[in-house]
Structures are given as C-alpha cells and as structure tokens.
Amino acid sequence: MKYWRLYQILAVFRAYQLVELLPKSLLPKRFKIVLASLFWVRKKAKNSTGGERLKLALQELGPIWIKFGQMLSTRQDLLSDDLLHSLSQLQDNVAPFDGHLAQQIIEQSLSTPIESLFTDFCLTPLASASIAQIHTAKLKSSGADVIIKVIRPNIQPLILADTSLMYWFANRIENANPDAKRLRLQEVVRDYERTILNELNLLREAEYTKRLRHNFLNSDMLYIPYVYRELCRTNVMVEERISGIPINDMSALIERGVNMKLLAERGVNTFFTQVFRDNLFHADMHPGNIFIDATDPINPRYIGIDCAIMGELSKEDQHFLAKNFIAFFNRDYYKIAELYIESGWVPEHTDIFSLELAMREVCDPIFEKSLGEISFAQILFNLFKVARQFDMVIQPQLVLLEKTLFYIEGLGRRLYPQLDLWSTAKPFLEAWYQEQISPLHLAKNVVHSLPQWHSLLPDLPNKFKSYELTTKQLNQQLLEINQQLRQNQIRQRRLNYIIAVIVIVALGLNYFSF
C-alpha cells in the first residue's frame, strides 16, 4: 500500500510540474531521474500558474497534504504572492463532496429525517475543508442559525496510508543520517497521526469547543460559538453560526477601520492566556479558522472556530516554557542554558558556558527589531545548528505548541508588522509566573487538595503503623544480615589461621627434609 501511495505522490508531483517550483539545487539527481521515468503520467493544468498547480496537487493528494498547504499559506516571508493567494484557498475552499451524501450522513447519524430537526438546510456547502465540510440550516425548534459540520466519507484509510508512508520516510531518514535520530521523527509522526485521527471525532471537538468557550465567556479578546451538544455525533456536529470578517481579508478590516495594533496584541495575549492560564490552546489557528468581530472596530475581538485540534501541556512543561520565555525576554542566556540542562533537553554533561554562548549568537540579533524584520527561518536554521552541536532532543509533546506559534507569527506579520512581540508577551508571562509562586497561589493549591487529604487522613494512623512495622522488619533484617556478616568474618579468620598453620608446617617439613 505504501509503495502504491509513494507512486501516487510522485505521479502527482510530475503531473502538476511541481519541480518547477523548487530550487534546482535542492533536487537530488536520483529524484530527477525517478520523475523522468514516469513518462506515461500526463501533465495537468498546463496553463495554470505555479500556485494554482500546487493547490490542485495538494487537493488531489488529500487531507494531510492540504493541511501542509494551510500552514504554508500563513508565511508571507517564505512564499511568493502567487503561491500565497492559491494556498489561502485551501483554508475553506477545498473541493466539496456531494451535498445529498452529506444530508444522508446527517440523517443516518441523528436517526431522523433532516426536516424533523432543521429548516432551510442548504445542500451547497458553505465551506469545505480537508477533513469536513459545512452546511447551513436553521433549528426547527428555535429558528436559530446553525452550521452542520460533516466528516468526509471514507477519509480514514487515506490518512492511515499517508501516515504509514511518513513512518517509512522517517525510518529511512533516521537510518541514513545519525543526526536525524535526535529529531525523533517517528515520534513526531506518531503525534501527528494521533492528532489528525482525533480530528475525525466530532464529539471530541464539541467537548473542546465547550471548554474553550467557557474559558473565554464575556472576554473582549476571543469569542467561541455555542455547540448544540445533544445534536452532535462522531461524524456530525451542530454549532451556532457566527458572523465575522475573515482574518485574511485585510481590505475589509482596513475599510472597517479595525485597530490592527490592538488586534495583533490581543492575538499574542490570547495565545499565552490559553497556554498558561487555561492550559488548553487552539492548535489549528490557520486563517480559515479565525474571524474578526468588528462590531466595534476600535475594540475588535477574535472569533475562533474548528476546535478539533487542541493542545494541553503538563505543569512541568508550562513552568519550563514560562521560565524560558522570561529568560529569553531578559536576554538571560545562561538561565536558558541552565534550564535546557535541568530539563534534560540536552545531556547533563553539556558545557553550560558553551551552550550559553551558542544561544546568545542565535537570539541576540533578533532584539530591537519589529516582527516584520525578524527572519525566523534563519533563527530556526541556527537553532538546529545548536541542536546538532549539543545533542539537543526535540520534544514531540511540544509539536502542537510550535505549530501554533508558527501560525501566530504569520498572522501577526500580516496584521501589524511593527508588532513588538517581546514587550507584548513579557508582562503577561512575568505576571503569570509570579502568580504561580505566590503564597496565595500555594494556599489555593493546599485548599484545592483538602478533599484528597480528607479522604487520606482517617487512614493515616494505619499507614504510620504499617510504615512503623515495615521499618521494624527492615531493621530486624539488617540486624540479621550484620550478625551473619560477623559470623562469616569469624569463620574467615579461623580459616585464615588454619591456612597459615598449614603453610608454616609445610615450610618446616620442607626445611628438615632438605
């Protein structure tokens, strides 16, 4: 199966002439030979632009490749305007499947005819993305405008085929290049596979949406739509229909007089609030999932949809990241190096001063610059150089966080290139960290733990008795071992004495016989 899928990928690459979009220096001769050998593959979209051909190729390859295109569409600094324009259409304009089939799936999942629950159901999808498509309707019971999300039929086998191929590639790369092993590529693929398969479960998305909405109720930064939980199934979800300006519609935002600086700052603060205050962050923040409520243009807020991919971090990861960010903002590179060693991200025998110097060389040049002037691609390249030099281990559990930061940078660059990311984020992180180590927070943790202590207290005397008994038994065993050692020492002395006597007698006999 994976070899057939590999052939399909290469055939699509040749059919849409994607080789023309890559620098020739990046194409190995073996790759060129393989593509040339597929002479029977006919060219497609010959008269289309490179961006249009790339979009069509990713659509033909399926959901994993479409998501890759979605991520690329946020990077103005990496791609041409043609590629950006075409890839941006992958956010909510993927080729849809038949609306009658969608209606059939909805009726089967809800076990009732669609007219029993909805009116004005539109067979033509409002939006179509890589995993699902959206249809509009009204609730028959209340007349509320809703959207109905439907998972694409027969999509899971294609996802499994692609992830199987990714495992194969990761294994080959790690075997061919020892430096690649520290990237833990197979773990990264495993994490991505788990994420995208979770995205196929709309009950999970409904629960995440409900939690995120609760976290930002009455917020002036972010609005999350209401989910009709009783009408949700594994492959169908019913949600409040929202109205807003797409985040990538810059002309509409400018025309409405939206405060771009405040919007960009709120984007950063919304991200850090989700990660550190709530420990639940939207990890699929591409432009197709973000709208702007410009009812009050001076005080705009984000509208977030599609909460299928959410990230959560352990307390240890939260504290590590916060301390790293704060040290980074303070240019305390020794602290960063110290944290990397303490966390185990680099071996404990690492020379901390050398690591500090390497971090300084990578990070120092980006300060005193606006977001629009910072080349994160160059920084990433330099960080990989540091990783190879110090055997740094890539943490798979942070892949979602890294991807979210990737999106945040792209959106911030688009909205307000002069955004001072550091001064925006630093006060939030410092306040959060100080709150975490404050006596009040520690007291709250103690109070929060009281129910657990209440259940443990009645059993504590028995546990102490058990501990006392265990200690006595251990002491008795140690005493017996010491006695046994003493007896062995006595036996050894006696044996040594006997051996000495035998040696002396033997030497005496030899002397007299001589």
Protein backbone atom coordinates (compact mmCIF):
# COMPACT_ATOMS: atom_id res chain seq x y z
CA MET A 1 0.00 0.00 0.00
CA LYS A 2 2.72 2.50 0.95
CA TYR A 3 4.64 1.87 -2.28
CA TRP A 4 1.48 2.50 -4.28
CA ARG A 5 0.93 5.70 -2.29
CA LEU A 6 4.54 6.72 -2.92
CA TYR A 7 3.95 6.24 -6.62
CA GLN A 8 0.77 8.38 -6.42
CA ILE A 9 2.69 11.21 -4.74
CA LEU A 10 5.46 11.14 -7.35
CA ALA A 11 2.89 10.94 -10.17
CA VAL A 12 1.03 14.00 -8.83
CA PHE A 13 4.36 15.82 -8.44
CA ARG A 14 5.13 15.17 -12.12
CA ALA A 15 1.58 15.77 -13.39
CA TYR A 16 1.41 19.28 -11.92
CA GLN A 17 5.05 20.12 -12.79
CA LEU A 18 5.85 20.98 -9.18
CA VAL A 19 9.55 20.51 -9.86
CA GLU A 20 9.46 23.98 -11.42
CA LEU A 21 8.60 25.49 -8.02
CA LEU A 22 11.69 24.16 -6.25
CA PRO A 23 15.26 25.46 -6.48
CA LYS A 24 17.26 23.12 -8.68
CA SER A 25 19.97 22.91 -6.02
CA LEU A 26 17.51 21.12 -3.70
CA LEU A 27 16.65 18.38 -6.18
CA PRO A 28 18.87 15.26 -5.99
CA LYS A 29 19.77 13.69 -9.33
CA ARG A 30 18.10 10.43 -8.28
CA PHE A 31 14.82 12.30 -7.73
CA LYS A 32 15.00 13.89 -11.19
CA ILE A 33 15.67 10.50 -12.77
CA VAL A 34 12.67 8.92 -10.99
CA LEU A 35 10.36 11.72 -12.16
CA ALA A 36 11.67 11.50 -15.73
CA SER A 37 10.98 7.76 -15.74
CA LEU A 38 7.26 8.36 -15.18
CA PHE A 39 6.85 9.30 -18.86
CA TRP A 40 3.28 7.95 -19.05
CA VAL A 41 1.96 10.49 -16.50
CA ARG A 42 0.18 13.24 -18.39
CA LYS A 43 0.62 16.86 -17.42
CA LYS A 44 -2.32 18.63 -15.81
CA ALA A 45 -3.29 22.32 -15.56
CA LYS A 46 -0.61 23.21 -18.11
CA ASN A 47 -1.77 26.81 -18.49
CA SER A 48 -2.25 27.47 -14.75
CA THR A 49 0.10 29.39 -12.51
CA GLY A 50 2.52 27.60 -10.20
CA GLY A 51 0.37 28.47 -7.19
CA GLU A 52 -2.77 27.07 -8.78
CA ARG A 53 -0.95 23.85 -9.75
CA LEU A 54 0.37 23.46 -6.20
CA LYS A 55 -3.13 23.95 -4.76
CA LEU A 56 -4.63 21.37 -7.12
CA ALA A 57 -1.84 18.89 -6.38
CA LEU A 58 -2.33 19.16 -2.61
CA GLN A 59 -6.09 18.75 -3.03
CA GLU A 60 -5.55 15.61 -5.09
CA LEU A 61 -3.15 14.15 -2.52
CA GLY A 62 -5.65 14.53 0.33
CA PRO A 63 -6.13 15.93 3.85
CA ILE A 64 -2.61 15.64 5.26
CA TRP A 65 -1.16 17.49 2.27
CA ILE A 66 -3.93 20.08 2.34
CA LYS A 67 -3.09 20.82 5.98
CA PHE A 68 0.53 21.28 4.98
CA GLY A 69 -0.61 23.83 2.40
CA GLN A 70 -2.74 25.58 5.02
CA MET A 71 0.32 26.00 7.23
CA LEU A 72 2.42 27.36 4.36
CA SER A 73 -0.30 29.86 3.45
CA THR A 74 0.50 31.89 6.60
CA ARG A 75 4.12 32.52 5.61
CA GLN A 76 4.41 35.70 3.58
CA ASP A 77 8.14 35.73 4.25
CA LEU A 78 8.69 32.35 2.57
CA LEU A 79 6.37 32.28 -0.44
CA SER A 80 5.53 34.43 -3.43
CA ASP A 81 2.20 36.28 -3.73
CA ASP A 82 1.02 33.76 -6.34
CA LEU A 83 1.63 30.78 -4.04
CA LEU A 84 0.11 32.59 -1.02
CA HIS A 85 -3.05 33.51 -2.94
CA SER A 86 -3.57 29.96 -4.18
CA LEU A 87 -2.76 28.20 -0.90
CA SER A 88 -5.03 30.54 1.06
CA GLN A 89 -7.94 28.97 -0.84
CA LEU A 90 -7.21 25.67 0.92
CA GLN A 91 -8.46 27.16 4.21
CA ASP A 92 -12.16 26.79 3.38
CA ASN A 93 -12.39 26.20 -0.35
CA VAL A 94 -11.36 22.56 -0.80
CA ALA A 95 -13.36 20.66 -3.42
CA PRO A 96 -16.58 19.53 -1.64
CA PHE A 97 -18.29 16.17 -1.72
CA ASP A 98 -21.92 15.83 -2.81
CA GLY A 99 -24.46 17.66 -0.65
CA HIS A 100 -27.03 14.85 -0.92
CA LEU A 101 -24.43 12.47 0.51
CA ALA A 102 -23.84 14.93 3.37
CA GLN A 103 -27.61 15.01 4.07
CA GLN A 104 -27.68 11.21 4.08
CA ILE A 105 -24.81 11.08 6.60
CA ILE A 106 -26.57 13.63 8.86
CA GLU A 107 -29.86 11.70 8.80
CA GLN A 108 -28.15 8.37 9.50
CA SER A 109 -26.14 9.84 12.39
CA LEU A 110 -29.11 11.62 14.03
CA SER A 111 -31.52 8.76 13.20
CA THR A 112 -34.17 11.13 11.91
CA PRO A 113 -35.13 12.91 8.66
CA ILE A 114 -33.36 16.24 8.36
CA GLU A 115 -36.64 18.20 8.07
CA SER A 116 -37.62 16.98 11.55
CA LEU A 117 -34.80 18.98 13.16
CA PHE A 118 -33.84 21.69 10.65
CA THR A 119 -35.32 24.10 8.16
CA ASP A 120 -33.60 25.85 5.27
CA PHE A 121 -30.93 23.14 5.02
CA CYS A 122 -28.59 24.12 2.17
CA LEU A 123 -27.23 21.29 0.04
CA THR A 124 -24.43 23.52 -1.23
CA PRO A 125 -21.73 23.65 1.48
CA LEU A 126 -20.85 27.00 3.00
CA ALA A 127 -17.22 25.88 3.30
CA SER A 128 -15.26 22.77 2.52
CA ALA A 129 -12.00 21.87 4.24
CA SER A 130 -9.59 18.96 4.35
CA ILE A 131 -11.41 16.83 6.93
CA ALA A 132 -15.02 18.01 6.79
CA GLN A 133 -17.43 20.41 5.13
CA ILE A 134 -20.00 22.84 6.49
CA HIS A 135 -23.71 23.16 5.63
CA THR A 136 -26.06 25.88 6.88
CA ALA A 137 -29.53 25.45 8.34
CA LYS A 138 -31.94 26.77 10.98
CA LEU A 139 -33.03 24.90 14.08
CA LYS A 140 -36.69 23.98 13.72
CA SER A 141 -37.24 24.34 17.47
CA SER A 142 -35.89 27.90 17.90
CA GLY A 143 -35.17 29.28 14.43
CA ALA A 144 -31.52 29.86 15.40
CA ASP A 145 -28.99 29.94 12.57
CA VAL A 146 -26.61 26.98 12.79
CA ILE A 147 -23.91 25.25 10.81
CA ILE A 148 -23.70 21.47 10.48
CA LYS A 149 -20.22 20.01 10.19
CA VAL A 150 -19.93 16.66 8.41
CA ILE A 151 -16.82 14.47 8.22
CA ARG A 152 -15.80 13.47 4.70
CA PRO A 153 -16.76 9.86 3.93
CA ASN A 154 -14.04 7.19 3.59
CA ILE A 155 -11.27 9.55 4.66
CA GLN A 156 -9.62 7.45 7.38
CA PRO A 157 -7.99 4.85 5.05
CA LEU A 158 -6.28 7.65 3.10
CA ILE A 159 -4.96 9.21 6.30
CA LEU A 160 -3.61 5.87 7.51
CA ALA A 161 -1.93 5.27 4.15
CA ASP A 162 -0.19 8.66 4.26
CA THR A 163 0.94 8.35 7.88
CA SER A 164 2.26 4.85 7.11
CA LEU A 165 4.34 6.41 4.34
CA MET A 166 5.53 9.14 6.71
CA TYR A 167 6.70 6.45 9.17
CA TRP A 168 8.56 4.77 6.32
CA PHE A 169 10.26 8.03 5.32
CA ALA A 170 11.13 8.85 8.94
CA ASN A 171 12.69 5.43 9.45
CA ARG A 172 14.76 5.72 6.26
CA ILE A 173 15.96 9.22 7.16
CA GLU A 174 16.96 8.18 10.69
CA ASN A 175 18.84 5.15 9.38
CA ALA A 176 20.62 7.17 6.70
CA ASN A 177 21.59 10.15 8.87
CA PRO A 178 22.64 9.70 12.52
CA ASP A 179 21.98 13.40 13.20
CA ALA A 180 18.31 12.87 12.30
CA LYS A 181 17.77 10.46 15.20
CA ARG A 182 17.80 13.22 17.78
CA LEU A 183 14.87 14.81 15.94
CA ARG A 184 12.78 11.76 16.94
CA LEU A 185 10.96 11.88 13.61
CA GLN A 186 8.94 8.73 14.20
CA GLU A 187 7.62 10.11 17.48
CA VAL A 188 6.69 13.33 15.70
CA VAL A 189 4.80 11.33 13.04
CA ARG A 190 3.08 9.32 15.77
CA ASP A 191 1.99 12.51 17.50
CA TYR A 192 0.69 13.99 14.22
CA GLU A 193 -1.14 10.76 13.37
CA ARG A 194 -2.86 10.78 16.77
CA THR A 195 -3.80 14.44 16.30
CA ILE A 196 -5.33 14.08 12.86
CA LEU A 197 -7.21 10.88 13.78
CA ASN A 198 -8.63 12.70 16.81
CA GLU A 199 -9.85 15.36 14.40
CA LEU A 200 -12.17 12.77 12.87
CA ASN A 201 -14.10 12.54 16.16
CA LEU A 202 -16.54 15.47 16.28
CA LEU A 203 -17.73 14.54 19.78
CA ARG A 204 -14.22 15.33 20.96
CA GLU A 205 -14.30 18.63 19.06
CA ALA A 206 -17.66 19.50 20.60
CA GLU A 207 -16.27 18.95 24.10
CA TYR A 208 -13.15 21.02 23.37
CA THR A 209 -15.29 23.82 21.92
CA LYS A 210 -17.45 23.82 25.04
CA ARG A 211 -14.37 24.06 27.31
CA LEU A 212 -12.73 26.83 25.29
CA ARG A 213 -15.98 28.80 25.17
CA HIS A 214 -16.26 28.53 28.96
CA ASN A 215 -12.69 29.84 29.37
CA PHE A 216 -13.45 32.98 27.33
CA LEU A 217 -17.02 33.80 28.32
CA ASN A 218 -17.53 37.60 28.31
CA SER A 219 -13.98 38.09 27.01
CA ASP A 220 -13.08 41.09 24.87
CA MET A 221 -10.29 39.07 23.19
CA LEU A 222 -11.94 35.88 21.89
CA TYR A 223 -15.43 34.55 21.16
CA ILE A 224 -16.17 30.83 20.72
CA PRO A 225 -19.52 29.71 19.21
CA TYR A 226 -22.11 27.71 21.15
CA VAL A 227 -22.30 23.97 20.43
CA TYR A 228 -25.62 22.09 20.47
CA ARG A 229 -24.18 19.08 22.25
CA GLU A 230 -27.38 16.99 22.03
CA LEU A 231 -27.19 17.12 18.21
CA CYS A 232 -23.53 16.07 17.94
CA ARG A 233 -22.28 12.66 16.89
CA THR A 234 -18.88 11.23 15.96
CA ASN A 235 -19.18 12.43 12.36
CA VAL A 236 -21.72 15.29 12.72
CA MET A 237 -21.62 18.47 14.83
CA VAL A 238 -24.18 21.29 15.10
CA GLU A 239 -22.90 24.71 16.14
CA GLU A 240 -24.02 28.33 16.34
CA ARG A 241 -23.43 30.18 13.07
CA ILE A 242 -21.17 33.17 13.55
CA SER A 243 -20.72 36.35 11.53
CA GLY A 244 -17.33 38.00 11.15
CA ILE A 245 -14.62 39.18 8.80
CA PRO A 246 -12.10 36.50 7.75
CA ILE A 247 -8.71 37.26 9.30
CA ASN A 248 -7.02 37.24 5.89
CA ASP A 249 -9.47 39.77 4.37
CA MET A 250 -7.18 42.73 5.02
CA SER A 251 -9.06 45.13 2.75
CA ALA A 252 -12.31 44.58 4.69
CA LEU A 253 -10.54 45.05 8.03
CA ILE A 254 -8.90 48.27 6.86
CA GLU A 255 -12.15 49.53 5.35
CA ARG A 256 -13.94 49.00 8.69
CA GLY A 257 -11.16 50.91 10.47
CA VAL A 258 -10.17 47.99 12.69
CA ASN A 259 -7.47 48.76 15.26
CA MET A 260 -4.76 46.48 13.81
CA LYS A 261 -2.22 47.11 16.56
CA LEU A 262 -4.67 46.15 19.31
CA LEU A 263 -5.84 43.16 17.27
CA ALA A 264 -2.28 41.87 16.85
CA GLU A 265 -1.51 42.37 20.56
CA ARG A 266 -4.70 40.56 21.53
CA GLY A 267 -3.71 37.68 19.29
CA VAL A 268 -0.47 37.25 21.25
CA ASN A 269 -2.22 37.64 24.62
CA THR A 270 -4.97 35.21 23.61
CA PHE A 271 -2.37 32.59 22.77
CA PHE A 272 -0.46 32.97 26.03
CA THR A 273 -3.71 33.04 28.03
CA GLN A 274 -4.75 29.72 26.52
CA VAL A 275 -1.35 28.12 27.07
CA PHE A 276 -0.57 29.34 30.59
CA ARG A 277 -3.79 30.41 32.30
CA ASP A 278 -6.07 27.69 30.94
CA ASN A 279 -3.63 25.01 29.73
CA LEU A 280 -5.89 24.45 26.72
CA PHE A 281 -4.92 26.11 23.45
CA HIS A 282 -6.35 26.12 19.95
CA ALA A 283 -3.64 24.36 17.96
CA ASP A 284 -5.03 24.85 14.44
CA MET A 285 -5.08 28.62 14.14
CA HIS A 286 -4.76 28.95 10.38
CA PRO A 287 -6.63 31.88 8.78
CA GLY A 288 -9.59 29.73 7.73
CA ASN A 289 -10.41 29.15 11.40
CA ILE A 290 -10.20 32.75 12.61
CA PHE A 291 -12.65 35.61 12.05
CA ILE A 292 -12.81 39.14 13.43
CA ASP A 293 -15.80 40.64 15.24
CA ALA A 294 -15.55 44.25 14.04
CA THR A 295 -18.85 45.42 15.52
CA ASP A 296 -16.71 47.89 17.46
CA PRO A 297 -13.67 48.44 15.18
CA ILE A 298 -11.73 50.25 17.91
CA ASN A 299 -12.21 47.27 20.23
CA PRO A 300 -12.08 44.22 17.91
CA ARG A 301 -12.03 40.63 19.08
CA TYR A 302 -11.26 37.27 17.53
CA ILE A 303 -13.81 34.59 16.72
CA GLY A 304 -12.34 31.08 16.80
CA ILE A 305 -13.91 28.07 15.12
CA ASP A 306 -12.88 24.46 14.43
CA CYS A 307 -11.57 23.38 17.84
CA ALA A 308 -10.75 19.88 16.60
CA ILE A 309 -7.03 20.16 17.38
CA MET A 310 -6.35 21.40 20.89
CA GLY A 311 -3.16 21.27 22.91
CA GLU A 312 -2.53 20.72 26.61
CA LEU A 313 0.78 20.82 28.50
CA SER A 314 1.93 19.33 31.77
CA LYS A 315 2.60 21.68 34.69
CA GLU A 316 6.31 20.94 34.24
CA ASP A 317 6.18 21.98 30.57
CA GLN A 318 4.23 25.14 31.46
CA HIS A 319 6.76 26.23 34.07
CA PHE A 320 9.69 25.32 31.85
CA LEU A 321 8.30 27.32 28.92
CA ALA A 322 7.39 30.31 31.05
CA LYS A 323 10.85 30.45 32.63
CA ASN A 324 12.43 30.04 29.19
CA PHE A 325 10.37 32.83 27.67
CA ILE A 326 11.09 35.16 30.58
CA ALA A 327 14.82 34.39 30.44
CA PHE A 328 14.70 34.92 26.67
CA PHE A 329 12.96 38.31 27.01
CA ASN A 330 15.54 39.29 29.64
CA ARG A 331 18.37 38.04 27.41
CA ASP A 332 19.48 35.77 30.25
CA TYR A 333 21.11 33.14 28.05
CA TYR A 334 22.89 31.49 30.97
CA LYS A 335 19.47 30.81 32.52
CA ILE A 336 18.22 29.38 29.22
CA ALA A 337 21.22 27.06 29.02
CA GLU A 338 20.71 26.06 32.66
CA LEU A 339 17.03 25.28 32.03
CA TYR A 340 17.84 23.15 28.99
CA ILE A 341 20.27 21.07 31.03
CA GLU A 342 17.96 20.80 34.07
CA SER A 343 15.05 19.69 31.87
CA GLY A 344 17.11 17.00 30.16
CA TRP A 345 16.70 18.55 26.72
CA VAL A 346 20.48 18.42 26.43
CA PRO A 347 22.82 15.97 28.22
CA GLU A 348 23.75 16.91 31.79
CA HIS A 349 27.47 16.86 30.93
CA THR A 350 26.94 19.76 28.46
CA ASP A 351 29.30 22.71 28.91
CA ILE A 352 26.83 25.33 30.14
CA PHE A 353 29.01 28.28 29.12
CA SER A 354 29.38 26.99 25.54
CA LEU A 355 25.62 26.45 25.33
CA GLU A 356 25.02 29.96 26.68
CA LEU A 357 27.31 31.43 24.03
CA ALA A 358 25.57 29.48 21.26
CA MET A 359 22.13 30.65 22.46
CA ARG A 360 23.37 34.24 22.58
CA GLU A 361 24.64 34.07 18.99
CA VAL A 362 21.25 32.80 17.82
CA CYS A 363 18.93 35.06 19.84
CA ASP A 364 20.72 38.38 20.31
CA PRO A 365 20.39 39.63 16.71
CA ILE A 366 16.58 39.50 16.77
CA PHE A 367 16.11 42.01 19.59
CA GLU A 368 15.37 45.68 18.91
CA LYS A 369 13.56 44.65 15.72
CA SER A 370 9.89 44.62 14.78
CA LEU A 371 8.23 41.35 13.90
CA GLY A 372 8.37 42.22 10.22
CA GLU A 373 12.17 42.46 10.32
CA ILE A 374 12.77 39.14 12.07
CA SER A 375 13.80 36.14 9.99
CA PHE A 376 12.51 33.17 11.95
CA ALA A 377 13.68 30.87 9.16
CA GLN A 378 17.28 31.91 9.82
CA ILE A 379 16.79 31.60 13.58
CA LEU A 380 15.37 28.09 13.12
CA PHE A 381 18.36 27.16 10.96
CA ASN A 382 20.76 28.44 13.64
CA LEU A 383 18.88 26.61 16.41
CA PHE A 384 19.26 23.35 14.50
CA LYS A 385 22.98 24.05 14.33
CA VAL A 386 22.95 24.41 18.12
CA ALA A 387 20.92 21.21 18.39
CA ARG A 388 23.47 19.23 16.40
CA GLN A 389 26.33 20.74 18.39
CA PHE A 390 24.88 19.95 21.84
CA ASP A 391 22.79 16.81 21.10
CA MET A 392 19.60 18.70 21.87
CA VAL A 393 16.50 16.48 21.87
CA ILE A 394 13.37 17.71 20.07
CA GLN A 395 10.33 17.33 22.35
CA PRO A 396 7.39 15.75 20.45
CA GLN A 397 4.87 16.85 23.08
CA LEU A 398 5.56 20.47 22.07
CA VAL A 399 4.99 19.99 18.34
CA LEU A 400 1.44 21.40 18.54
CA LEU A 401 2.68 24.40 20.51
CA GLU A 402 5.42 25.04 17.97
CA LYS A 403 2.92 24.82 15.11
CA THR A 404 0.62 27.28 16.89
CA LEU A 405 3.47 29.73 17.37
CA PHE A 406 4.21 29.29 13.67
CA TYR A 407 0.66 30.41 12.84
CA ILE A 408 0.75 33.26 15.37
CA GLU A 409 3.86 34.67 13.74
CA GLY A 410 2.29 34.54 10.27
CA LEU A 411 -0.91 36.23 11.43
CA GLY A 412 0.96 38.87 13.40
CA ARG A 413 3.14 39.63 10.40
CA ARG A 414 0.05 40.08 8.25
CA LEU A 415 -1.93 42.23 10.70
CA TYR A 416 0.71 44.56 12.13
CA PRO A 417 4.32 44.05 11.02
CA GLN A 418 5.56 46.56 13.61
CA LEU A 419 4.23 44.47 16.49
CA ASP A 420 6.67 44.33 19.41
CA LEU A 421 6.13 40.69 20.29
CA TRP A 422 8.52 40.80 23.23
CA SER A 423 7.03 43.77 25.11
CA THR A 424 3.54 42.38 24.45
CA ALA A 425 4.21 38.90 25.85
CA LYS A 426 6.75 39.63 28.60
CA PRO A 427 4.40 41.37 31.11
CA PHE A 428 1.85 38.57 30.78
CA LEU A 429 4.40 35.82 31.38
CA GLU A 430 6.04 37.58 34.31
CA ALA A 431 2.67 38.17 35.96
CA TRP A 432 1.66 34.53 35.42
CA TYR A 433 4.89 33.14 36.81
CA GLN A 434 4.83 35.41 39.85
CA GLU A 435 1.26 34.36 40.50
CA GLN A 436 2.27 30.68 40.30
CA ILE A 437 4.92 31.07 43.01
CA SER A 438 2.92 33.48 45.21
CA PRO A 439 1.84 32.42 48.74
CA LEU A 440 -1.79 32.96 47.74
CA HIS A 441 -1.50 30.50 44.84
CA LEU A 442 0.26 27.96 47.06
CA ALA A 443 -2.51 28.38 49.64
CA LYS A 444 -5.13 27.82 46.92
CA ASN A 445 -3.36 24.60 45.93
CA VAL A 446 -3.45 23.44 49.55
CA VAL A 447 -7.17 24.26 49.81
CA HIS A 448 -7.78 22.52 46.49
CA SER A 449 -6.04 19.42 47.88
CA LEU A 450 -8.06 19.35 51.12
CA PRO A 451 -10.69 16.88 49.80
CA GLN A 452 -7.88 14.43 48.96
CA TRP A 453 -6.33 14.94 52.40
CA HIS A 454 -9.75 14.46 53.98
CA SER A 455 -10.02 11.04 52.37
CA LEU A 456 -6.46 10.14 53.37
CA LEU A 457 -6.47 11.37 56.99
CA PRO A 458 -8.62 8.57 58.53
CA ASP A 459 -6.22 6.00 57.13
CA LEU A 460 -3.02 7.81 58.15
CA PRO A 461 -2.65 6.06 61.58
CA ASN A 462 -2.84 2.68 59.88
CA LYS A 463 -0.34 3.83 57.29
CA PHE A 464 2.02 5.04 60.02
CA LYS A 465 1.62 1.72 61.84
CA SER A 466 2.27 -0.10 58.60
CA TYR A 467 5.29 2.09 57.99
CA GLU A 468 6.50 1.51 61.58
CA LEU A 469 6.02 -2.24 61.16
CA THR A 470 7.82 -2.19 57.83
CA THR A 471 10.66 -0.21 59.38
CA LYS A 472 10.95 -2.66 62.27
CA GLN A 473 11.01 -5.58 59.83
CA LEU A 474 13.69 -3.86 57.79
CA ASN A 475 15.77 -3.13 60.90
CA GLN A 476 15.42 -6.76 62.01
CA GLN A 477 16.56 -7.95 58.57
CA LEU A 478 19.55 -5.57 58.69
CA LEU A 479 20.45 -6.86 62.18
CA GLU A 480 20.31 -10.46 60.96
CA ILE A 481 22.49 -9.56 57.97
CA ASN A 482 25.05 -7.88 60.26
CA GLN A 483 25.11 -10.91 62.53
CA GLN A 484 25.61 -13.15 59.55
CA LEU A 485 28.47 -10.95 58.32
CA ARG A 486 30.12 -11.10 61.74
CA GLN A 487 29.84 -14.89 61.76
CA ASN A 488 31.33 -15.01 58.27
CA GLN A 489 34.18 -12.76 59.37
CA ILE A 490 34.88 -15.08 62.37
CA ARG A 491 34.80 -18.12 60.11
CA GLN A 492 37.12 -16.36 57.65
CA ARG A 493 39.61 -15.51 60.44
CA ARG A 494 39.57 -19.14 61.61
CA LEU A 495 40.10 -20.35 58.08
CA ASN A 496 42.97 -17.91 57.55
CA TYR A 497 44.56 -19.14 60.84
CA ILE A 498 44.30 -22.79 59.75
CA ILE A 499 45.77 -21.98 56.33
CA ALA A 500 48.68 -20.11 57.98
CA VAL A 501 49.39 -23.07 60.28
CA ILE A 502 49.34 -25.48 57.34
CA VAL A 503 51.73 -23.25 55.37
CA ILE A 504 54.16 -22.98 58.33
CA VAL A 505 54.09 -26.74 58.91
CA ALA A 506 54.64 -27.38 55.21
CA LEU A 507 57.59 -24.99 55.11
CA GLY A 508 59.09 -26.65 58.22
CA LEU A 509 58.84 -30.12 56.75
CA ASN A 510 60.48 -28.93 53.56
CA TYR A 511 63.32 -27.37 55.57
CA PHE A 512 64.05 -30.53 57.63
CA SER A 513 63.84 -32.76 54.60
CA PHE A 514 66.38 -30.53 52.90
